[in-house]
N, C-alpha and C. Protein backbone atom coordinates (compact mmCIF):
# COMPACT_ATOMS: atom_id res chain seq x y z
N MET A 1 -251.61 104.96 -63.34
CA MET A 1 -251.46 104.45 -64.69
C MET A 1 -251.02 102.99 -64.61
N TYR A 2 -251.80 102.10 -65.15
CA TYR A 2 -251.50 100.68 -65.13
C TYR A 2 -250.67 100.35 -66.36
N THR A 3 -249.42 99.92 -66.14
CA THR A 3 -248.51 99.75 -67.27
C THR A 3 -247.90 98.36 -67.34
N ARG A 4 -248.46 97.38 -66.66
CA ARG A 4 -247.83 96.06 -66.64
C ARG A 4 -247.80 95.39 -68.01
N GLU A 5 -248.83 95.58 -68.82
CA GLU A 5 -248.83 94.91 -70.11
C GLU A 5 -248.23 95.78 -71.23
N LEU A 6 -247.77 96.98 -70.88
CA LEU A 6 -247.17 97.85 -71.90
C LEU A 6 -245.74 97.39 -72.22
N PRO A 7 -245.39 97.33 -73.48
CA PRO A 7 -243.98 97.03 -73.82
C PRO A 7 -243.08 98.17 -73.37
N HIS A 8 -241.83 97.85 -73.08
CA HIS A 8 -240.88 98.86 -72.61
C HIS A 8 -240.68 99.98 -73.62
N SER A 9 -240.73 99.66 -74.90
CA SER A 9 -240.53 100.69 -75.91
C SER A 9 -241.66 101.72 -75.88
N GLU A 10 -242.90 101.27 -75.69
CA GLU A 10 -244.02 102.21 -75.60
C GLU A 10 -243.95 103.04 -74.33
N LEU A 11 -243.56 102.40 -73.23
CA LEU A 11 -243.42 103.12 -71.97
C LEU A 11 -242.34 104.20 -72.08
N LEU A 12 -241.22 103.87 -72.72
CA LEU A 12 -240.17 104.86 -72.94
C LEU A 12 -240.64 106.00 -73.83
N LYS A 13 -241.39 105.69 -74.86
CA LYS A 13 -241.91 106.71 -75.76
C LYS A 13 -242.86 107.64 -75.01
N LEU A 14 -243.77 107.09 -74.20
CA LEU A 14 -244.70 107.92 -73.44
C LEU A 14 -243.96 108.79 -72.43
N THR A 15 -242.92 108.23 -71.82
CA THR A 15 -242.12 109.01 -70.88
C THR A 15 -241.44 110.16 -71.59
N SER A 16 -240.89 109.91 -72.78
CA SER A 16 -240.21 110.99 -73.50
C SER A 16 -241.19 112.05 -73.99
N ILE A 17 -242.42 111.66 -74.26
CA ILE A 17 -243.43 112.63 -74.69
C ILE A 17 -243.88 113.50 -73.51
N CYS A 18 -243.93 112.94 -72.31
CA CYS A 18 -244.58 113.60 -71.18
C CYS A 18 -243.66 114.41 -70.27
N TRP A 19 -242.36 114.24 -70.32
CA TRP A 19 -241.53 114.90 -69.32
C TRP A 19 -241.50 116.41 -69.51
N LEU A 20 -241.50 116.92 -70.73
CA LEU A 20 -241.46 118.37 -70.95
C LEU A 20 -242.78 119.05 -70.54
N PRO A 21 -243.96 118.52 -70.91
CA PRO A 21 -245.19 119.14 -70.42
C PRO A 21 -245.31 119.10 -68.89
N MET A 22 -244.83 118.04 -68.27
CA MET A 22 -244.88 117.95 -66.82
C MET A 22 -243.98 119.01 -66.19
N LEU A 23 -242.81 119.21 -66.75
CA LEU A 23 -241.89 120.25 -66.28
C LEU A 23 -242.52 121.62 -66.46
N LEU A 24 -243.13 121.86 -67.61
CA LEU A 24 -243.80 123.14 -67.87
C LEU A 24 -244.92 123.39 -66.87
N ARG A 25 -245.74 122.39 -66.62
CA ARG A 25 -246.84 122.54 -65.66
C ARG A 25 -246.32 122.87 -64.27
N ASP A 26 -245.34 122.12 -63.80
CA ASP A 26 -244.82 122.35 -62.45
C ASP A 26 -244.13 123.70 -62.31
N VAL A 27 -243.33 124.08 -63.29
CA VAL A 27 -242.64 125.38 -63.23
C VAL A 27 -243.65 126.52 -63.27
N LEU A 28 -244.65 126.40 -64.11
CA LEU A 28 -245.68 127.43 -64.20
C LEU A 28 -246.45 127.56 -62.88
N PHE A 29 -246.85 126.44 -62.31
CA PHE A 29 -247.59 126.46 -61.05
C PHE A 29 -246.76 127.08 -59.93
N ARG A 30 -245.52 126.65 -59.81
CA ARG A 30 -244.67 127.17 -58.74
C ARG A 30 -244.34 128.65 -58.95
N THR A 31 -244.21 129.07 -60.20
CA THR A 31 -243.96 130.49 -60.49
C THR A 31 -245.15 131.33 -60.05
N ILE A 32 -246.34 130.86 -60.32
CA ILE A 32 -247.54 131.60 -59.90
C ILE A 32 -247.61 131.70 -58.38
N ILE A 33 -247.39 130.58 -57.69
CA ILE A 33 -247.45 130.57 -56.23
C ILE A 33 -246.39 131.50 -55.63
N LEU A 34 -245.14 131.37 -56.09
CA LEU A 34 -244.08 132.21 -55.52
C LEU A 34 -244.25 133.68 -55.87
N SER A 35 -244.77 133.97 -57.06
CA SER A 35 -245.00 135.36 -57.43
C SER A 35 -246.02 136.00 -56.49
N PHE A 36 -247.11 135.30 -56.24
CA PHE A 36 -248.10 135.82 -55.30
C PHE A 36 -247.47 136.01 -53.92
N TYR A 37 -246.67 135.05 -53.48
CA TYR A 37 -246.07 135.13 -52.15
C TYR A 37 -245.16 136.35 -52.04
N TYR A 38 -244.26 136.51 -53.02
CA TYR A 38 -243.31 137.63 -52.93
C TYR A 38 -243.98 138.98 -53.16
N LEU A 39 -245.03 139.03 -53.95
CA LEU A 39 -245.72 140.30 -54.17
C LEU A 39 -246.57 140.73 -52.98
N THR A 40 -247.03 139.80 -52.18
CA THR A 40 -247.92 140.14 -51.08
C THR A 40 -247.27 140.11 -49.71
N THR A 41 -246.01 139.71 -49.62
CA THR A 41 -245.35 139.62 -48.33
C THR A 41 -244.29 140.71 -48.22
N SER A 42 -244.44 141.55 -47.24
CA SER A 42 -243.48 142.62 -46.99
C SER A 42 -242.56 142.17 -45.85
N ILE A 43 -241.30 141.98 -46.18
CA ILE A 43 -240.33 141.51 -45.18
C ILE A 43 -239.24 142.55 -45.02
N ASP A 44 -238.93 142.90 -43.77
CA ASP A 44 -237.82 143.80 -43.47
C ASP A 44 -236.66 142.98 -42.92
N HIS A 45 -235.56 142.98 -43.65
CA HIS A 45 -234.35 142.32 -43.16
C HIS A 45 -233.54 143.36 -42.39
N MET A 46 -233.26 143.06 -41.15
CA MET A 46 -232.53 143.99 -40.31
C MET A 46 -231.35 143.27 -39.65
N PRO A 47 -230.18 143.25 -40.32
CA PRO A 47 -229.05 142.61 -39.66
C PRO A 47 -228.68 143.37 -38.38
N ILE A 48 -228.39 142.64 -37.34
CA ILE A 48 -228.02 143.28 -36.07
C ILE A 48 -226.63 142.78 -35.67
N LEU A 49 -225.94 143.60 -34.92
CA LEU A 49 -224.61 143.23 -34.44
C LEU A 49 -224.72 142.16 -33.36
N LYS A 50 -223.83 141.18 -33.43
CA LYS A 50 -223.81 140.13 -32.40
C LYS A 50 -223.06 140.61 -31.15
N PHE A 51 -222.15 141.58 -31.35
CA PHE A 51 -221.29 142.05 -30.26
C PHE A 51 -221.48 143.55 -30.07
N THR A 52 -221.06 144.04 -28.91
CA THR A 52 -221.07 145.49 -28.69
C THR A 52 -219.82 146.09 -29.34
N ILE A 53 -219.79 147.40 -29.49
CA ILE A 53 -218.65 148.08 -30.13
C ILE A 53 -217.34 147.84 -29.34
N PRO A 54 -217.34 147.94 -28.00
CA PRO A 54 -216.09 147.63 -27.28
C PRO A 54 -215.61 146.19 -27.49
N GLN A 55 -216.55 145.24 -27.58
CA GLN A 55 -216.16 143.85 -27.85
C GLN A 55 -215.54 143.73 -29.24
N LEU A 56 -216.12 144.41 -30.21
CA LEU A 56 -215.57 144.37 -31.57
C LEU A 56 -214.17 144.96 -31.61
N THR A 57 -213.96 146.04 -30.88
CA THR A 57 -212.64 146.67 -30.83
C THR A 57 -211.61 145.70 -30.24
N ASP A 58 -211.98 145.01 -29.16
CA ASP A 58 -211.07 144.03 -28.54
C ASP A 58 -210.78 142.86 -29.50
N ILE A 59 -211.79 142.37 -30.18
CA ILE A 59 -211.60 141.27 -31.13
C ILE A 59 -210.63 141.69 -32.23
N MET A 60 -210.81 142.88 -32.76
CA MET A 60 -209.93 143.35 -33.84
C MET A 60 -208.50 143.55 -33.34
N LYS A 61 -208.32 144.05 -32.12
CA LYS A 61 -206.97 144.20 -31.55
C LYS A 61 -206.29 142.84 -31.44
N GLN A 62 -207.02 141.84 -30.95
CA GLN A 62 -206.46 140.50 -30.81
C GLN A 62 -206.08 139.92 -32.18
N ARG A 63 -206.93 140.10 -33.17
CA ARG A 63 -206.66 139.56 -34.52
C ARG A 63 -205.46 140.25 -35.15
N ARG A 64 -205.32 141.57 -34.92
CA ARG A 64 -204.16 142.28 -35.46
C ARG A 64 -202.86 141.80 -34.80
N ALA A 65 -202.92 141.56 -33.48
CA ALA A 65 -201.73 141.09 -32.76
C ALA A 65 -201.32 139.71 -33.27
N VAL A 66 -202.28 138.82 -33.48
CA VAL A 66 -201.98 137.48 -33.99
C VAL A 66 -201.42 137.57 -35.41
N ALA A 67 -201.98 138.43 -36.23
CA ALA A 67 -201.51 138.58 -37.62
C ALA A 67 -200.08 139.12 -37.65
N GLU A 68 -199.74 140.08 -36.75
CA GLU A 68 -198.37 140.61 -36.71
C GLU A 68 -197.38 139.55 -36.25
N MET A 69 -197.80 138.71 -35.27
CA MET A 69 -196.92 137.64 -34.79
C MET A 69 -196.67 136.61 -35.89
N GLU A 70 -197.68 136.34 -36.71
CA GLU A 70 -197.53 135.35 -37.78
C GLU A 70 -196.95 135.97 -39.04
N GLY A 71 -196.79 137.27 -39.08
CA GLY A 71 -196.19 137.93 -40.23
C GLY A 71 -197.09 138.05 -41.44
N ARG A 72 -198.37 138.15 -41.23
CA ARG A 72 -199.29 138.31 -42.36
C ARG A 72 -200.04 139.63 -42.22
N VAL A 73 -200.72 140.01 -43.28
CA VAL A 73 -201.46 141.27 -43.30
C VAL A 73 -202.72 141.11 -42.44
N PRO A 74 -202.96 142.03 -41.50
CA PRO A 74 -204.16 141.90 -40.66
C PRO A 74 -205.44 142.18 -41.45
N GLU A 75 -206.52 141.50 -41.04
CA GLU A 75 -207.81 141.71 -41.70
C GLU A 75 -208.42 143.02 -41.23
N THR A 76 -209.27 143.55 -42.07
CA THR A 76 -210.00 144.76 -41.69
C THR A 76 -211.37 144.36 -41.13
N VAL A 77 -212.05 145.32 -40.55
CA VAL A 77 -213.39 145.07 -40.03
C VAL A 77 -214.32 144.67 -41.18
N HIS A 78 -214.10 145.28 -42.34
CA HIS A 78 -214.94 144.95 -43.51
C HIS A 78 -214.76 143.48 -43.92
N ASP A 79 -213.52 142.98 -43.85
CA ASP A 79 -213.27 141.57 -44.20
C ASP A 79 -213.98 140.60 -43.27
N LEU A 80 -214.15 140.98 -42.02
CA LEU A 80 -214.74 140.09 -41.02
C LEU A 80 -216.18 140.43 -40.67
N SER A 81 -216.79 141.35 -41.39
CA SER A 81 -218.12 141.83 -41.02
C SER A 81 -219.17 140.72 -41.00
N HIS A 82 -219.02 139.70 -41.87
CA HIS A 82 -220.01 138.62 -41.87
C HIS A 82 -220.00 137.82 -40.57
N HIS A 83 -218.91 137.91 -39.79
CA HIS A 83 -218.87 137.23 -38.49
C HIS A 83 -219.54 138.06 -37.40
N PHE A 84 -219.66 139.35 -37.62
CA PHE A 84 -220.16 140.25 -36.58
C PHE A 84 -221.66 140.50 -36.63
N TYR A 85 -222.30 140.13 -37.73
CA TYR A 85 -223.73 140.42 -37.88
C TYR A 85 -224.57 139.16 -37.83
N GLU A 86 -225.77 139.30 -37.31
CA GLU A 86 -226.77 138.25 -37.34
C GLU A 86 -227.74 138.60 -38.46
N PHE A 87 -227.70 137.83 -39.56
CA PHE A 87 -228.49 138.16 -40.74
C PHE A 87 -229.88 137.52 -40.73
N HIS A 88 -230.18 136.68 -39.75
CA HIS A 88 -231.46 135.98 -39.72
C HIS A 88 -232.52 136.76 -38.95
N ASN A 89 -232.26 138.02 -38.72
CA ASN A 89 -233.24 138.86 -38.03
C ASN A 89 -234.12 139.53 -39.07
N TYR A 90 -235.38 139.18 -39.10
CA TYR A 90 -236.30 139.78 -40.06
C TYR A 90 -237.68 139.91 -39.43
N GLU A 91 -238.45 140.79 -40.02
CA GLU A 91 -239.81 141.01 -39.54
C GLU A 91 -240.75 140.98 -40.74
N ILE A 92 -241.81 140.19 -40.64
CA ILE A 92 -242.81 140.13 -41.70
C ILE A 92 -243.90 141.13 -41.34
N LYS A 93 -244.06 142.14 -42.21
CA LYS A 93 -245.00 143.22 -41.90
C LYS A 93 -246.43 142.92 -42.36
N THR A 94 -246.60 142.00 -43.29
CA THR A 94 -247.93 141.71 -43.83
C THR A 94 -248.75 140.90 -42.82
N ASN A 95 -250.00 141.22 -42.73
CA ASN A 95 -250.93 140.54 -41.82
C ASN A 95 -251.06 139.06 -42.23
N HIS A 96 -251.20 138.17 -41.26
CA HIS A 96 -251.32 136.73 -41.54
C HIS A 96 -252.55 136.40 -42.37
N THR A 97 -253.66 137.04 -42.07
CA THR A 97 -254.88 136.74 -42.82
C THR A 97 -254.77 137.20 -44.27
N THR A 98 -254.07 138.30 -44.49
CA THR A 98 -253.85 138.78 -45.86
C THR A 98 -252.99 137.79 -46.63
N ARG A 99 -251.92 137.32 -46.01
CA ARG A 99 -251.04 136.36 -46.66
C ARG A 99 -251.77 135.06 -46.95
N LEU A 100 -252.56 134.58 -46.01
CA LEU A 100 -253.31 133.35 -46.20
C LEU A 100 -254.33 133.50 -47.33
N THR A 101 -255.02 134.62 -47.36
CA THR A 101 -256.00 134.88 -48.42
C THR A 101 -255.33 134.88 -49.79
N PHE A 102 -254.21 135.58 -49.89
CA PHE A 102 -253.53 135.64 -51.19
C PHE A 102 -252.92 134.30 -51.59
N MET A 103 -252.50 133.49 -50.62
CA MET A 103 -251.97 132.18 -50.97
C MET A 103 -253.09 131.24 -51.44
N ILE A 104 -254.27 131.36 -50.87
CA ILE A 104 -255.42 130.59 -51.36
C ILE A 104 -255.78 131.03 -52.77
N LEU A 105 -255.78 132.35 -52.99
CA LEU A 105 -256.05 132.89 -54.32
C LEU A 105 -254.98 132.44 -55.32
N ALA A 106 -253.72 132.43 -54.89
CA ALA A 106 -252.63 131.98 -55.76
C ALA A 106 -252.80 130.52 -56.15
N ASN A 107 -253.21 129.70 -55.20
CA ASN A 107 -253.44 128.29 -55.48
C ASN A 107 -254.59 128.12 -56.47
N LEU A 108 -255.65 128.92 -56.30
CA LEU A 108 -256.79 128.88 -57.23
C LEU A 108 -256.36 129.28 -58.64
N VAL A 109 -255.63 130.39 -58.76
CA VAL A 109 -255.18 130.86 -60.08
C VAL A 109 -254.23 129.84 -60.71
N GLY A 110 -253.29 129.33 -59.90
CA GLY A 110 -252.35 128.33 -60.42
C GLY A 110 -253.05 127.08 -60.91
N THR A 111 -254.05 126.64 -60.19
CA THR A 111 -254.80 125.44 -60.59
C THR A 111 -255.59 125.70 -61.87
N ILE A 112 -256.25 126.87 -61.97
CA ILE A 112 -257.02 127.20 -63.16
C ILE A 112 -256.12 127.29 -64.39
N VAL A 113 -254.95 127.88 -64.23
CA VAL A 113 -254.04 128.05 -65.37
C VAL A 113 -253.41 126.73 -65.79
N THR A 114 -253.04 125.90 -64.82
CA THR A 114 -252.31 124.67 -65.17
C THR A 114 -253.20 123.45 -65.33
N ASN A 115 -254.48 123.55 -65.03
CA ASN A 115 -255.36 122.39 -65.14
C ASN A 115 -255.48 121.86 -66.58
N PRO A 116 -255.63 122.71 -67.60
CA PRO A 116 -255.67 122.16 -68.97
C PRO A 116 -254.40 121.39 -69.34
N ILE A 117 -253.26 121.89 -68.89
CA ILE A 117 -252.00 121.18 -69.16
C ILE A 117 -252.00 119.85 -68.42
N ASP A 118 -252.54 119.83 -67.19
CA ASP A 118 -252.59 118.60 -66.41
C ASP A 118 -253.50 117.57 -67.05
N VAL A 119 -254.64 118.00 -67.58
CA VAL A 119 -255.56 117.09 -68.26
C VAL A 119 -254.89 116.48 -69.49
N CYS A 120 -254.24 117.34 -70.29
CA CYS A 120 -253.55 116.85 -71.49
C CYS A 120 -252.39 115.93 -71.12
N LEU A 121 -251.70 116.25 -70.05
CA LEU A 121 -250.60 115.40 -69.60
C LEU A 121 -251.11 114.03 -69.19
N SER A 122 -252.24 113.97 -68.51
CA SER A 122 -252.82 112.69 -68.13
C SER A 122 -253.23 111.89 -69.36
N LYS A 123 -253.84 112.56 -70.33
CA LYS A 123 -254.24 111.87 -71.56
C LYS A 123 -253.02 111.36 -72.32
N MET A 124 -251.95 112.17 -72.36
CA MET A 124 -250.75 111.76 -73.08
C MET A 124 -250.06 110.58 -72.39
N ALA A 125 -250.03 110.60 -71.05
CA ALA A 125 -249.31 109.55 -70.31
C ALA A 125 -250.05 108.22 -70.31
N THR A 126 -251.37 108.24 -70.43
CA THR A 126 -252.14 106.99 -70.33
C THR A 126 -252.66 106.49 -71.67
N GLN A 127 -252.23 107.10 -72.75
CA GLN A 127 -252.75 106.69 -74.06
C GLN A 127 -252.14 105.36 -74.51
N ARG A 128 -252.86 104.69 -75.37
CA ARG A 128 -252.40 103.44 -76.00
C ARG A 128 -252.27 103.69 -77.49
N LYS A 129 -251.48 102.87 -78.13
CA LYS A 129 -251.34 103.01 -79.59
C LYS A 129 -252.66 102.64 -80.26
N GLN A 130 -253.00 103.41 -81.28
CA GLN A 130 -254.21 103.15 -82.06
C GLN A 130 -253.82 102.67 -83.44
N ILE A 131 -254.73 101.98 -84.09
CA ILE A 131 -254.46 101.48 -85.44
C ILE A 131 -255.08 102.44 -86.44
N SER A 132 -254.27 102.89 -87.40
CA SER A 132 -254.72 103.82 -88.42
C SER A 132 -255.67 103.11 -89.39
N PRO A 133 -256.83 103.72 -89.70
CA PRO A 133 -257.76 103.09 -90.64
C PRO A 133 -257.24 103.15 -92.08
N HIS A 134 -256.29 104.05 -92.35
CA HIS A 134 -255.79 104.22 -93.72
C HIS A 134 -254.75 103.18 -94.11
N ASN A 135 -253.73 103.03 -93.24
CA ASN A 135 -252.65 102.11 -93.63
C ASN A 135 -252.42 100.97 -92.62
N GLY A 136 -253.19 100.92 -91.54
CA GLY A 136 -253.08 99.82 -90.58
C GLY A 136 -251.92 99.95 -89.62
N LYS A 137 -251.14 101.05 -89.67
CA LYS A 137 -250.02 101.23 -88.74
C LYS A 137 -250.53 101.70 -87.39
N ARG A 138 -249.74 101.36 -86.35
CA ARG A 138 -250.09 101.78 -85.00
C ARG A 138 -249.42 103.13 -84.70
N TYR A 139 -250.15 104.02 -84.05
CA TYR A 139 -249.62 105.35 -83.74
C TYR A 139 -250.23 105.85 -82.43
N PHE A 140 -249.55 106.86 -81.84
CA PHE A 140 -250.07 107.52 -80.65
C PHE A 140 -250.95 108.69 -81.08
N LYS A 141 -252.08 108.87 -80.41
CA LYS A 141 -253.00 109.95 -80.76
C LYS A 141 -252.39 111.32 -80.42
N TYR A 142 -251.74 111.42 -79.26
CA TYR A 142 -251.13 112.68 -78.82
C TYR A 142 -249.61 112.53 -78.87
N THR A 143 -248.95 113.38 -79.66
CA THR A 143 -247.49 113.29 -79.75
C THR A 143 -246.79 114.48 -79.10
N ASN A 144 -247.51 115.59 -78.90
CA ASN A 144 -246.91 116.72 -78.19
C ASN A 144 -248.01 117.50 -77.47
N LEU A 145 -247.61 118.42 -76.62
CA LEU A 145 -248.55 119.15 -75.78
C LEU A 145 -249.48 120.04 -76.61
N ILE A 146 -248.96 120.72 -77.59
CA ILE A 146 -249.78 121.63 -78.40
C ILE A 146 -250.90 120.86 -79.11
N GLN A 147 -250.55 119.74 -79.70
CA GLN A 147 -251.55 118.90 -80.38
C GLN A 147 -252.60 118.41 -79.37
N ALA A 148 -252.14 118.00 -78.19
CA ALA A 148 -253.08 117.52 -77.17
C ALA A 148 -254.01 118.64 -76.70
N LEU A 149 -253.47 119.84 -76.52
CA LEU A 149 -254.30 120.98 -76.10
C LEU A 149 -255.34 121.29 -77.17
N ARG A 150 -254.93 121.29 -78.43
CA ARG A 150 -255.87 121.55 -79.54
C ARG A 150 -256.97 120.49 -79.57
N THR A 151 -256.59 119.23 -79.47
CA THR A 151 -257.55 118.14 -79.55
C THR A 151 -258.55 118.18 -78.38
N VAL A 152 -258.04 118.41 -77.17
CA VAL A 152 -258.91 118.45 -75.99
C VAL A 152 -259.80 119.68 -76.05
N TYR A 153 -259.27 120.82 -76.54
CA TYR A 153 -260.09 122.03 -76.63
C TYR A 153 -261.23 121.85 -77.60
């Protein structure tokens, strides 16, 4: 968009008109992509212990001894469980080709759904003020997304 000769007031007006449709387009596109991803990807999260049971017993004995020496209430295994597990262990069960196919399909659907909004957004962002034949005042042809969609349709 070439805006060097545009006055700052018109540029600000176009920016205020276009930010909501742009947000709508991006959120809609990303929602479609992520929905396809989460619906087609089967992931098993399997937290595993970082230590063996005898090691955990020794760690808890040491922590209880330190807590008694300091005069505070000792922690339980439940309080410290986040230190004992590795939560980044997961397995993706869905086939790679299936995931790739569905992500290509998601991109296609997202583009088809959001393309009309993108076209209207481009028209709204690059428009110039027009002169009304009735009263000679200058106005923008597209003032909101719904009007732009109707006009383009």
